[in-house]
Amino acid sequence: MQTTVTFKKIDPSDALKSYVGKKLDKFDKMLDSPAEAYVVLSVEKIRHIAEITLTCDKLNIHAKEESESMYSSIDALVDKVRVQIKKHKEKIKRHMSGKKQSLMDTAEFSHTGNAFAAEAVFSEDLVLETIDTKPMDIDDAVVEFNTGRHAFFVFNNARTEQLNVLYKHNNGKLGLIQPGG
């Protein structure tokens, strides 16, 4: 690993430099390709601050730690970076294994003729409503929407034969959402 150590408001020390290098060399085993680390060690009053920017392929990590001892700041920084690298590797591993979750994995959508139905199983915090839309004019949809049963009204526009949504703006006027193109 290519490591650059910069000292701010602190006397440069070979001991600190080698300590940082020794700690960061352990990341070579965790990373798949060569990495560059830029470490800034600084002192502000009684705070000893260690900051790192680590780049490796598509992985960019920036972390900062401070304590009353430079060595403990470096140790805390290394621990924080280790956790971020592990998290990144697990994310890549999940992605490569094909265990991605999407809306299509959790719901079954079907579109038949003029009726649109959605059935899904989500978390307990979500209320599921199934809708069957009938073709109608915008005027008829406004009348139906004004019955006041819902915050919005989904309908199949008879003129365009596309799904539309009626909703009420904050200013009290009605809004219409329709597919573009």
N, C-alpha and C. Protein backbone atom coordinates (compact mmCIF):
# COMPACT_ATOMS: atom_id res chain seq x y z
N MET A 1 0.85 -1.17 0.00
CA MET A 1 0.00 0.00 0.00
C MET A 1 0.89 1.23 0.00
N GLN A 2 0.56 2.15 -0.88
CA GLN A 2 1.27 3.43 -0.96
C GLN A 2 0.71 4.35 0.13
N THR A 3 1.52 4.70 1.10
CA THR A 3 1.08 5.50 2.23
C THR A 3 1.83 6.82 2.29
N THR A 4 1.10 7.91 2.42
CA THR A 4 1.69 9.23 2.59
C THR A 4 1.20 9.78 3.92
N VAL A 5 2.14 10.15 4.79
CA VAL A 5 1.79 10.68 6.10
C VAL A 5 2.21 12.14 6.15
N THR A 6 1.26 13.00 6.54
CA THR A 6 1.52 14.43 6.66
C THR A 6 1.31 14.84 8.12
N PHE A 7 2.20 15.68 8.62
CA PHE A 7 2.11 16.16 10.00
C PHE A 7 1.71 17.63 9.99
N LYS A 8 0.68 17.97 10.79
CA LYS A 8 0.25 19.36 10.92
C LYS A 8 0.34 19.76 12.39
N LYS A 9 1.03 20.83 12.65
CA LYS A 9 1.17 21.36 14.01
C LYS A 9 1.71 20.32 14.97
N ILE A 10 2.54 19.44 14.45
CA ILE A 10 3.17 18.40 15.26
C ILE A 10 4.53 18.10 14.62
N ASP A 11 5.52 17.80 15.43
CA ASP A 11 6.84 17.49 14.90
C ASP A 11 6.80 16.15 14.19
N PRO A 12 7.37 16.08 12.98
CA PRO A 12 7.41 14.81 12.25
C PRO A 12 8.15 13.75 13.07
N SER A 13 7.60 12.57 13.11
CA SER A 13 8.18 11.50 13.90
C SER A 13 8.22 10.22 13.06
N ASP A 14 9.42 9.63 13.00
CA ASP A 14 9.55 8.36 12.28
C ASP A 14 8.78 7.25 12.99
N ALA A 15 8.70 7.33 14.31
CA ALA A 15 7.97 6.31 15.07
C ALA A 15 6.48 6.33 14.70
N LEU A 16 5.89 7.52 14.63
CA LEU A 16 4.48 7.63 14.23
C LEU A 16 4.28 7.19 12.79
N LYS A 17 5.20 7.58 11.94
CA LYS A 17 5.11 7.23 10.52
C LYS A 17 5.15 5.71 10.34
N SER A 18 6.08 5.05 11.02
CA SER A 18 6.18 3.59 10.89
C SER A 18 4.99 2.89 11.55
N TYR A 19 4.46 3.47 12.64
CA TYR A 19 3.28 2.91 13.30
C TYR A 19 2.08 2.94 12.35
N VAL A 20 1.88 4.07 11.68
CA VAL A 20 0.79 4.20 10.71
C VAL A 20 0.99 3.20 9.57
N GLY A 21 2.21 3.12 9.05
CA GLY A 21 2.50 2.20 7.95
C GLY A 21 2.24 0.75 8.33
N LYS A 22 2.65 0.38 9.55
CA LYS A 22 2.46 -0.99 10.02
C LYS A 22 0.97 -1.31 10.16
N LYS A 23 0.20 -0.37 10.68
CA LYS A 23 -1.25 -0.58 10.84
C LYS A 23 -1.96 -0.67 9.48
N LEU A 24 -1.57 0.17 8.54
CA LEU A 24 -2.25 0.20 7.24
C LEU A 24 -1.84 -0.96 6.34
N ASP A 25 -0.66 -1.52 6.56
CA ASP A 25 -0.22 -2.65 5.74
C ASP A 25 -1.14 -3.86 5.91
N LYS A 26 -1.84 -3.93 7.04
CA LYS A 26 -2.77 -5.05 7.28
C LYS A 26 -3.95 -5.00 6.31
N PHE A 27 -4.23 -3.82 5.76
CA PHE A 27 -5.35 -3.68 4.83
C PHE A 27 -5.03 -4.27 3.46
N ASP A 28 -3.75 -4.47 3.14
CA ASP A 28 -3.38 -5.06 1.85
C ASP A 28 -4.03 -6.42 1.65
N LYS A 29 -4.17 -7.18 2.74
CA LYS A 29 -4.79 -8.50 2.65
C LYS A 29 -6.29 -8.39 2.38
N MET A 30 -6.89 -7.32 2.88
CA MET A 30 -8.34 -7.15 2.73
C MET A 30 -8.72 -6.58 1.36
N LEU A 31 -7.82 -5.80 0.77
CA LEU A 31 -8.12 -5.13 -0.49
C LEU A 31 -7.67 -5.98 -1.67
N ASP A 32 -8.42 -5.92 -2.75
CA ASP A 32 -8.13 -6.74 -3.92
C ASP A 32 -7.04 -6.16 -4.82
N SER A 33 -6.88 -4.85 -4.80
CA SER A 33 -5.90 -4.21 -5.68
C SER A 33 -5.10 -3.19 -4.88
N PRO A 34 -4.02 -2.69 -5.47
CA PRO A 34 -3.19 -1.71 -4.76
C PRO A 34 -3.99 -0.48 -4.35
N ALA A 35 -3.67 0.03 -3.18
CA ALA A 35 -4.40 1.17 -2.64
C ALA A 35 -3.43 2.29 -2.27
N GLU A 36 -3.98 3.49 -2.18
CA GLU A 36 -3.21 4.65 -1.75
C GLU A 36 -3.88 5.22 -0.52
N ALA A 37 -3.07 5.55 0.48
CA ALA A 37 -3.61 6.12 1.71
C ALA A 37 -2.89 7.44 1.99
N TYR A 38 -3.69 8.46 2.24
CA TYR A 38 -3.16 9.77 2.63
C TYR A 38 -3.60 10.01 4.06
N VAL A 39 -2.62 10.06 4.96
CA VAL A 39 -2.90 10.20 6.38
C VAL A 39 -2.39 11.56 6.85
N VAL A 40 -3.25 12.26 7.58
CA VAL A 40 -2.87 13.55 8.15
C VAL A 40 -2.96 13.43 9.67
N LEU A 41 -1.85 13.69 10.34
CA LEU A 41 -1.80 13.66 11.80
C LEU A 41 -1.63 15.09 12.27
N SER A 42 -2.51 15.54 13.16
CA SER A 42 -2.43 16.92 13.62
C SER A 42 -2.79 17.02 15.10
N VAL A 43 -2.39 18.13 15.70
CA VAL A 43 -2.68 18.39 17.10
C VAL A 43 -3.32 19.77 17.20
N GLU A 44 -4.48 19.82 17.87
CA GLU A 44 -5.15 21.08 18.15
C GLU A 44 -5.43 21.12 19.64
N LYS A 45 -4.73 21.98 20.33
CA LYS A 45 -4.79 22.07 21.79
C LYS A 45 -4.47 20.70 22.38
N ILE A 46 -5.44 20.04 23.03
CA ILE A 46 -5.15 18.72 23.61
C ILE A 46 -5.69 17.58 22.76
N ARG A 47 -6.27 17.90 21.61
CA ARG A 47 -6.85 16.88 20.74
C ARG A 47 -5.81 16.41 19.73
N HIS A 48 -5.62 15.11 19.66
CA HIS A 48 -4.73 14.50 18.67
C HIS A 48 -5.63 13.90 17.60
N ILE A 49 -5.50 14.42 16.39
CA ILE A 49 -6.42 14.06 15.30
C ILE A 49 -5.69 13.26 14.23
N ALA A 50 -6.29 12.14 13.86
CA ALA A 50 -5.78 11.31 12.76
C ALA A 50 -6.86 11.25 11.70
N GLU A 51 -6.48 11.54 10.46
CA GLU A 51 -7.44 11.60 9.36
C GLU A 51 -6.86 10.81 8.20
N ILE A 52 -7.71 10.07 7.49
CA ILE A 52 -7.24 9.25 6.37
C ILE A 52 -8.17 9.39 5.17
N THR A 53 -7.57 9.36 4.00
CA THR A 53 -8.30 9.22 2.75
C THR A 53 -7.68 8.02 2.04
N LEU A 54 -8.46 6.97 1.88
CA LEU A 54 -7.97 5.73 1.28
C LEU A 54 -8.70 5.51 -0.04
N THR A 55 -7.95 5.31 -1.11
CA THR A 55 -8.56 5.05 -2.42
C THR A 55 -8.03 3.74 -2.97
N CYS A 56 -8.94 2.95 -3.52
CA CYS A 56 -8.59 1.67 -4.11
C CYS A 56 -9.69 1.33 -5.11
N ASP A 57 -9.36 1.29 -6.38
CA ASP A 57 -10.35 1.05 -7.43
C ASP A 57 -11.56 1.97 -7.23
N LYS A 58 -12.73 1.37 -6.98
CA LYS A 58 -13.95 2.16 -6.82
C LYS A 58 -14.24 2.47 -5.36
N LEU A 59 -13.36 2.08 -4.48
CA LEU A 59 -13.53 2.30 -3.05
C LEU A 59 -12.82 3.58 -2.62
N ASN A 60 -13.57 4.51 -2.05
CA ASN A 60 -13.01 5.74 -1.49
C ASN A 60 -13.51 5.86 -0.07
N ILE A 61 -12.56 5.89 0.87
CA ILE A 61 -12.92 5.98 2.28
C ILE A 61 -12.25 7.20 2.87
N HIS A 62 -13.03 7.97 3.60
CA HIS A 62 -12.48 9.11 4.34
C HIS A 62 -12.94 8.98 5.77
N ALA A 63 -12.00 9.01 6.70
CA ALA A 63 -12.36 8.87 8.11
C ALA A 63 -11.49 9.79 8.96
N LYS A 64 -12.02 10.13 10.13
CA LYS A 64 -11.32 11.04 11.03
C LYS A 64 -11.59 10.61 12.45
N GLU A 65 -10.57 10.58 13.26
CA GLU A 65 -10.70 10.23 14.67
C GLU A 65 -9.85 11.16 15.50
N GLU A 66 -10.29 11.40 16.73
CA GLU A 66 -9.52 12.24 17.63
C GLU A 66 -9.61 11.70 19.04
N SER A 67 -8.52 11.89 19.79
CA SER A 67 -8.48 11.49 21.19
C SER A 67 -7.37 12.29 21.87
N GLU A 68 -7.02 11.88 23.08
CA GLU A 68 -5.98 12.59 23.82
C GLU A 68 -4.59 12.04 23.53
N SER A 69 -4.50 10.94 22.77
CA SER A 69 -3.22 10.34 22.41
C SER A 69 -3.21 10.06 20.91
N MET A 70 -2.12 10.35 20.26
CA MET A 70 -2.04 10.14 18.81
C MET A 70 -2.14 8.66 18.46
N TYR A 71 -1.51 7.81 19.28
CA TYR A 71 -1.55 6.38 19.01
C TYR A 71 -2.98 5.83 19.14
N SER A 72 -3.73 6.28 20.13
CA SER A 72 -5.10 5.80 20.25
C SER A 72 -5.99 6.38 19.14
N SER A 73 -5.68 7.57 18.66
CA SER A 73 -6.41 8.13 17.52
C SER A 73 -6.17 7.29 16.27
N ILE A 74 -4.92 6.90 16.08
CA ILE A 74 -4.58 6.05 14.91
C ILE A 74 -5.27 4.70 15.02
N ASP A 75 -5.26 4.11 16.21
CA ASP A 75 -5.92 2.81 16.39
C ASP A 75 -7.43 2.90 16.11
N ALA A 76 -8.07 3.93 16.62
CA ALA A 76 -9.50 4.11 16.39
C ALA A 76 -9.79 4.34 14.90
N LEU A 77 -8.91 5.08 14.25
CA LEU A 77 -9.05 5.35 12.82
C LEU A 77 -8.94 4.06 12.02
N VAL A 78 -7.96 3.24 12.36
CA VAL A 78 -7.76 1.97 11.65
C VAL A 78 -8.98 1.06 11.85
N ASP A 79 -9.52 1.05 13.06
CA ASP A 79 -10.71 0.23 13.30
C ASP A 79 -11.89 0.70 12.47
N LYS A 80 -12.06 2.00 12.38
CA LYS A 80 -13.16 2.58 11.60
C LYS A 80 -13.01 2.23 10.12
N VAL A 81 -11.80 2.33 9.60
CA VAL A 81 -11.54 2.01 8.18
C VAL A 81 -11.76 0.52 7.93
N ARG A 82 -11.34 -0.32 8.88
CA ARG A 82 -11.53 -1.77 8.73
C ARG A 82 -13.01 -2.10 8.59
N VAL A 83 -13.85 -1.48 9.41
CA VAL A 83 -15.30 -1.71 9.35
C VAL A 83 -15.84 -1.26 8.00
N GLN A 84 -15.39 -0.12 7.50
CA GLN A 84 -15.88 0.38 6.21
C GLN A 84 -15.46 -0.54 5.06
N ILE A 85 -14.24 -1.06 5.12
CA ILE A 85 -13.78 -1.97 4.07
C ILE A 85 -14.60 -3.25 4.10
N LYS A 86 -14.84 -3.80 5.30
CA LYS A 86 -15.65 -5.01 5.41
C LYS A 86 -17.05 -4.79 4.87
N LYS A 87 -17.63 -3.64 5.21
CA LYS A 87 -18.98 -3.31 4.74
C LYS A 87 -19.01 -3.25 3.21
N HIS A 88 -17.98 -2.64 2.63
CA HIS A 88 -17.89 -2.53 1.17
C HIS A 88 -17.74 -3.91 0.53
N LYS A 89 -16.90 -4.75 1.11
CA LYS A 89 -16.68 -6.09 0.55
C LYS A 89 -17.96 -6.93 0.63
N GLU A 90 -18.70 -6.80 1.74
CA GLU A 90 -19.96 -7.54 1.87
C GLU A 90 -20.98 -7.06 0.85
N LYS A 91 -20.99 -5.76 0.60
CA LYS A 91 -21.91 -5.20 -0.39
C LYS A 91 -21.58 -5.74 -1.78
N ILE A 92 -20.31 -5.76 -2.12
CA ILE A 92 -19.88 -6.31 -3.41
C ILE A 92 -20.21 -7.79 -3.50
N LYS A 93 -19.96 -8.51 -2.42
CA LYS A 93 -20.23 -9.95 -2.40
C LYS A 93 -21.72 -10.22 -2.59
N ARG A 94 -22.58 -9.44 -1.90
CA ARG A 94 -24.02 -9.58 -2.06
C ARG A 94 -24.45 -9.29 -3.49
N HIS A 95 -23.85 -8.25 -4.05
CA HIS A 95 -24.19 -7.84 -5.41
C HIS A 95 -23.79 -8.92 -6.42
N MET A 96 -22.61 -9.47 -6.24
CA MET A 96 -22.11 -10.47 -7.18
C MET A 96 -22.84 -11.80 -7.04
N SER A 97 -23.39 -12.08 -5.86
CA SER A 97 -24.08 -13.35 -5.67
C SER A 97 -25.49 -13.33 -6.25
N GLY A 98 -25.93 -12.16 -6.67
CA GLY A 98 -27.25 -12.06 -7.27
C GLY A 98 -28.37 -11.96 -6.26
N LYS A 99 -28.06 -11.65 -5.01
CA LYS A 99 -29.08 -11.55 -3.99
C LYS A 99 -29.55 -10.11 -3.83
N LYS A 100 -29.66 -9.42 -4.94
CA LYS A 100 -30.14 -8.05 -4.92
C LYS A 100 -31.64 -8.07 -4.67
N GLN A 101 -32.11 -7.11 -3.91
CA GLN A 101 -33.54 -7.01 -3.69
C GLN A 101 -34.07 -5.80 -4.44
N SER A 102 -35.18 -5.99 -5.05
CA SER A 102 -35.81 -4.88 -5.74
C SER A 102 -37.31 -5.01 -5.54
N LEU A 103 -38.02 -4.04 -6.01
CA LEU A 103 -39.46 -4.06 -5.89
C LEU A 103 -40.04 -5.26 -6.63
N MET A 104 -39.45 -5.62 -7.74
CA MET A 104 -39.97 -6.75 -8.52
C MET A 104 -39.75 -8.06 -7.79
N ASP A 105 -38.75 -8.14 -6.88
CA ASP A 105 -38.54 -9.36 -6.12
C ASP A 105 -39.59 -9.51 -5.02
N THR A 106 -40.08 -8.38 -4.50
CA THR A 106 -40.99 -8.43 -3.37
C THR A 106 -42.44 -8.30 -3.77
N ALA A 107 -42.71 -8.01 -5.01
CA ALA A 107 -44.11 -7.82 -5.42
C ALA A 107 -44.37 -8.49 -6.75
N GLU A 108 -45.60 -8.89 -6.93
CA GLU A 108 -46.02 -9.46 -8.20
C GLU A 108 -46.93 -8.44 -8.86
N PHE A 109 -46.55 -7.95 -10.01
CA PHE A 109 -47.36 -6.97 -10.71
C PHE A 109 -47.94 -7.62 -11.95
N SER A 110 -49.22 -7.35 -12.18
CA SER A 110 -49.84 -7.86 -13.40
C SER A 110 -50.66 -6.76 -14.04
N HIS A 111 -50.65 -6.72 -15.34
CA HIS A 111 -51.41 -5.71 -16.08
C HIS A 111 -52.19 -6.45 -17.15
N THR A 112 -53.50 -6.50 -16.97
CA THR A 112 -54.34 -7.23 -17.93
C THR A 112 -55.41 -6.31 -18.45
N GLY A 113 -55.44 -6.11 -19.73
CA GLY A 113 -56.47 -5.29 -20.36
C GLY A 113 -56.51 -3.89 -19.78
N ASN A 114 -57.70 -3.47 -19.34
CA ASN A 114 -57.87 -2.13 -18.77
C ASN A 114 -57.81 -2.14 -17.25
N ALA A 115 -57.68 -3.29 -16.63
CA ALA A 115 -57.64 -3.36 -15.17
C ALA A 115 -56.19 -3.51 -14.71
N PHE A 116 -55.84 -2.77 -13.70
CA PHE A 116 -54.48 -2.82 -13.16
C PHE A 116 -54.59 -3.30 -11.72
N ALA A 117 -53.86 -4.34 -11.40
CA ALA A 117 -53.90 -4.85 -10.03
C ALA A 117 -52.48 -5.05 -9.55
N ALA A 118 -52.24 -4.74 -8.29
CA ALA A 118 -50.92 -4.94 -7.69
C ALA A 118 -51.11 -5.68 -6.38
N GLU A 119 -50.40 -6.77 -6.22
CA GLU A 119 -50.44 -7.50 -4.98
C GLU A 119 -49.02 -7.65 -4.51
N ALA A 120 -48.77 -7.32 -3.25
CA ALA A 120 -47.41 -7.38 -2.75
C ALA A 120 -47.42 -7.71 -1.27
N VAL A 121 -46.30 -8.25 -0.82
CA VAL A 121 -46.11 -8.52 0.59
C VAL A 121 -44.94 -7.65 1.03
N PHE A 122 -45.21 -6.69 1.90
CA PHE A 122 -44.19 -5.76 2.36
C PHE A 122 -44.09 -5.87 3.88
N SER A 123 -43.40 -4.94 4.48
CA SER A 123 -43.26 -4.95 5.93
C SER A 123 -44.59 -4.62 6.59
N GLU A 124 -44.65 -4.82 7.90
CA GLU A 124 -45.88 -4.59 8.64
C GLU A 124 -46.25 -3.11 8.71
N ASP A 125 -45.31 -2.22 8.40
CA ASP A 125 -45.55 -0.78 8.46
C ASP A 125 -46.28 -0.26 7.23
N LEU A 126 -46.51 -1.11 6.25
CA LEU A 126 -47.09 -0.65 4.99
C LEU A 126 -48.51 -1.17 4.86
N VAL A 127 -49.42 -0.29 4.50
CA VAL A 127 -50.81 -0.67 4.25
C VAL A 127 -50.95 -0.94 2.76
N LEU A 128 -51.45 -2.11 2.42
CA LEU A 128 -51.58 -2.51 1.02
C LEU A 128 -53.01 -2.33 0.58
N GLU A 129 -53.18 -1.61 -0.51
CA GLU A 129 -54.50 -1.46 -1.11
C GLU A 129 -54.42 -1.93 -2.55
N THR A 130 -55.36 -2.78 -2.95
CA THR A 130 -55.43 -3.26 -4.31
C THR A 130 -56.45 -2.42 -5.05
N ILE A 131 -56.09 -1.98 -6.25
CA ILE A 131 -57.01 -1.13 -7.01
C ILE A 131 -57.35 -1.80 -8.34
N ASP A 132 -58.59 -1.63 -8.73
CA ASP A 132 -59.04 -2.04 -10.06
C ASP A 132 -59.51 -0.76 -10.73
N THR A 133 -58.87 -0.40 -11.81
CA THR A 133 -59.23 0.86 -12.47
C THR A 133 -60.13 0.57 -13.65
N LYS A 134 -61.08 1.46 -13.83
CA LYS A 134 -61.99 1.37 -14.97
C LYS A 134 -61.72 2.56 -15.86
N PRO A 135 -61.86 2.39 -17.16
CA PRO A 135 -61.67 3.54 -18.05
C PRO A 135 -62.70 4.62 -17.76
N MET A 136 -62.25 5.87 -17.59
CA MET A 136 -63.16 6.99 -17.37
C MET A 136 -62.52 8.28 -17.83
N ASP A 137 -63.37 9.27 -18.06
CA ASP A 137 -62.89 10.60 -18.44
C ASP A 137 -62.32 11.29 -17.21
N ILE A 138 -61.55 12.34 -17.44
CA ILE A 138 -60.96 13.09 -16.34
C ILE A 138 -62.05 13.71 -15.47
N ASP A 139 -63.13 14.20 -16.11
CA ASP A 139 -64.22 14.82 -15.35
C ASP A 139 -64.87 13.81 -14.39
N ASP A 140 -65.08 12.57 -14.87
CA ASP A 140 -65.66 11.54 -14.02
C ASP A 140 -64.70 11.18 -12.88
N ALA A 141 -63.42 11.17 -13.18
CA ALA A 141 -62.42 10.87 -12.15
C ALA A 141 -62.40 11.95 -11.08
N VAL A 142 -62.58 13.22 -11.48
CA VAL A 142 -62.61 14.32 -10.51
C VAL A 142 -63.81 14.16 -9.58
N VAL A 143 -64.96 13.79 -10.16
CA VAL A 143 -66.16 13.59 -9.34
C VAL A 143 -65.91 12.46 -8.34
N GLU A 144 -65.33 11.36 -8.82
CA GLU A 144 -65.05 10.21 -7.94
C GLU A 144 -64.03 10.59 -6.86
N PHE A 145 -63.01 11.36 -7.24
CA PHE A 145 -61.98 11.78 -6.29
C PHE A 145 -62.57 12.67 -5.20
N ASN A 146 -63.52 13.52 -5.57
CA ASN A 146 -64.11 14.47 -4.62
C ASN A 146 -65.02 13.80 -3.61
N THR A 147 -65.25 12.49 -3.74
CA THR A 147 -66.01 11.79 -2.69
C THR A 147 -65.20 11.80 -1.39
N GLY A 148 -63.90 12.07 -1.49
CA GLY A 148 -63.06 12.28 -0.32
C GLY A 148 -62.61 11.03 0.41
N ARG A 149 -62.63 9.90 -0.25
CA ARG A 149 -62.23 8.67 0.42
C ARG A 149 -60.71 8.47 0.43
N HIS A 150 -59.99 9.09 -0.52
CA HIS A 150 -58.55 8.85 -0.65
C HIS A 150 -57.79 10.16 -0.82
N ALA A 151 -56.49 10.07 -0.55
CA ALA A 151 -55.62 11.24 -0.74
C ALA A 151 -55.29 11.43 -2.22
N PHE A 152 -55.47 10.37 -3.00
CA PHE A 152 -55.26 10.44 -4.45
C PHE A 152 -56.18 9.43 -5.11
N PHE A 153 -56.33 9.56 -6.42
CA PHE A 153 -57.23 8.66 -7.14
C PHE A 153 -56.54 8.19 -8.41
N VAL A 154 -56.44 6.86 -8.55
CA VAL A 154 -55.81 6.26 -9.72
C VAL A 154 -56.90 5.78 -10.66
N PHE A 155 -56.78 6.14 -11.93
CA PHE A 155 -57.79 5.72 -12.90
C PHE A 155 -57.14 5.52 -14.27
N ASN A 156 -57.86 4.80 -15.12
CA ASN A 156 -57.41 4.56 -16.48
C ASN A 156 -58.09 5.60 -17.36
N ASN A 157 -57.32 6.50 -17.95
CA ASN A 157 -57.85 7.57 -18.78
C ASN A 157 -58.45 6.97 -20.05
N ALA A 158 -59.77 7.18 -20.26
CA ALA A 158 -60.46 6.59 -21.40
C ALA A 158 -59.95 7.17 -22.72
N ARG A 159 -59.53 8.42 -22.71
CA ARG A 159 -59.07 9.07 -23.94
C ARG A 159 -57.69 8.55 -24.36
N THR A 160 -56.76 8.47 -23.39
CA THR A 160 -55.37 8.06 -23.72
C THR A 160 -55.11 6.59 -23.47
N GLU A 161 -56.02 5.91 -22.76
CA GLU A 161 -55.87 4.51 -22.37
C GLU A 161 -54.59 4.27 -21.56
N GLN A 162 -54.25 5.26 -20.73
CA GLN A 162 -53.08 5.15 -19.86
C GLN A 162 -53.50 5.40 -18.42
N LEU A 163 -52.70 4.90 -17.49
CA LEU A 163 -52.96 5.08 -16.08
C LEU A 163 -52.65 6.51 -15.67
N ASN A 164 -53.57 7.17 -14.96
CA ASN A 164 -53.40 8.54 -14.48
C ASN A 164 -53.66 8.58 -12.98
N VAL A 165 -53.14 9.62 -12.32
CA VAL A 165 -53.35 9.80 -10.89
C VAL A 165 -53.82 11.23 -10.64
N LEU A 166 -54.91 11.38 -9.91
CA LEU A 166 -55.42 12.68 -9.48
C LEU A 166 -55.02 12.87 -8.02
N TYR A 167 -54.58 14.07 -7.66
CA TYR A 167 -54.23 14.35 -6.28
C TYR A 167 -54.50 15.82 -5.99
N LYS A 168 -54.50 16.18 -4.72
CA LYS A 168 -54.78 17.56 -4.32
C LYS A 168 -53.49 18.25 -3.93
N HIS A 169 -53.20 19.39 -4.57
CA HIS A 169 -52.04 20.23 -4.24
C HIS A 169 -52.20 20.85 -2.86
N ASN A 170 -51.11 21.35 -2.31
CA ASN A 170 -51.17 22.07 -1.03
C ASN A 170 -52.02 23.33 -1.13
N ASN A 171 -52.09 23.90 -2.34
CA ASN A 171 -52.87 25.14 -2.52
C ASN A 171 -54.35 24.85 -2.74
N GLY A 172 -54.75 23.58 -2.70
CA GLY A 172 -56.16 23.24 -2.82
C GLY A 172 -56.58 22.84 -4.23
N LYS A 173 -55.76 23.12 -5.24
CA LYS A 173 -56.10 22.76 -6.61
C LYS A 173 -55.79 21.29 -6.85
N LEU A 174 -56.44 20.72 -7.86
CA LEU A 174 -56.20 19.34 -8.20
C LEU A 174 -55.01 19.23 -9.16
N GLY A 175 -54.27 18.14 -9.02
CA GLY A 175 -53.15 17.85 -9.92
C GLY A 175 -53.41 16.54 -10.64
N LEU A 176 -52.90 16.42 -11.84
CA LEU A 176 -53.07 15.20 -12.63
C LEU A 176 -51.68 14.70 -13.04
N ILE A 177 -51.38 13.47 -12.72
CA ILE A 177 -50.13 12.85 -13.14
C ILE A 177 -50.48 11.87 -14.26
N GLN A 178 -49.78 12.04 -15.40
CA GLN A 178 -50.00 11.13 -16.52
C GLN A 178 -48.66 10.79 -17.13
N PRO A 179 -48.52 9.63 -17.70
CA PRO A 179 -47.24 9.22 -18.30
C PRO A 179 -46.85 10.15 -19.45
N GLY A 180 -45.56 10.43 -19.55
CA GLY A 180 -45.07 11.27 -20.64
C GLY A 180 -44.71 10.42 -21.85
N GLY A 181 -44.47 11.09 -22.94
CA GLY A 181 -43.99 10.38 -24.13
C GLY A 181 -45.06 9.96 -24.97
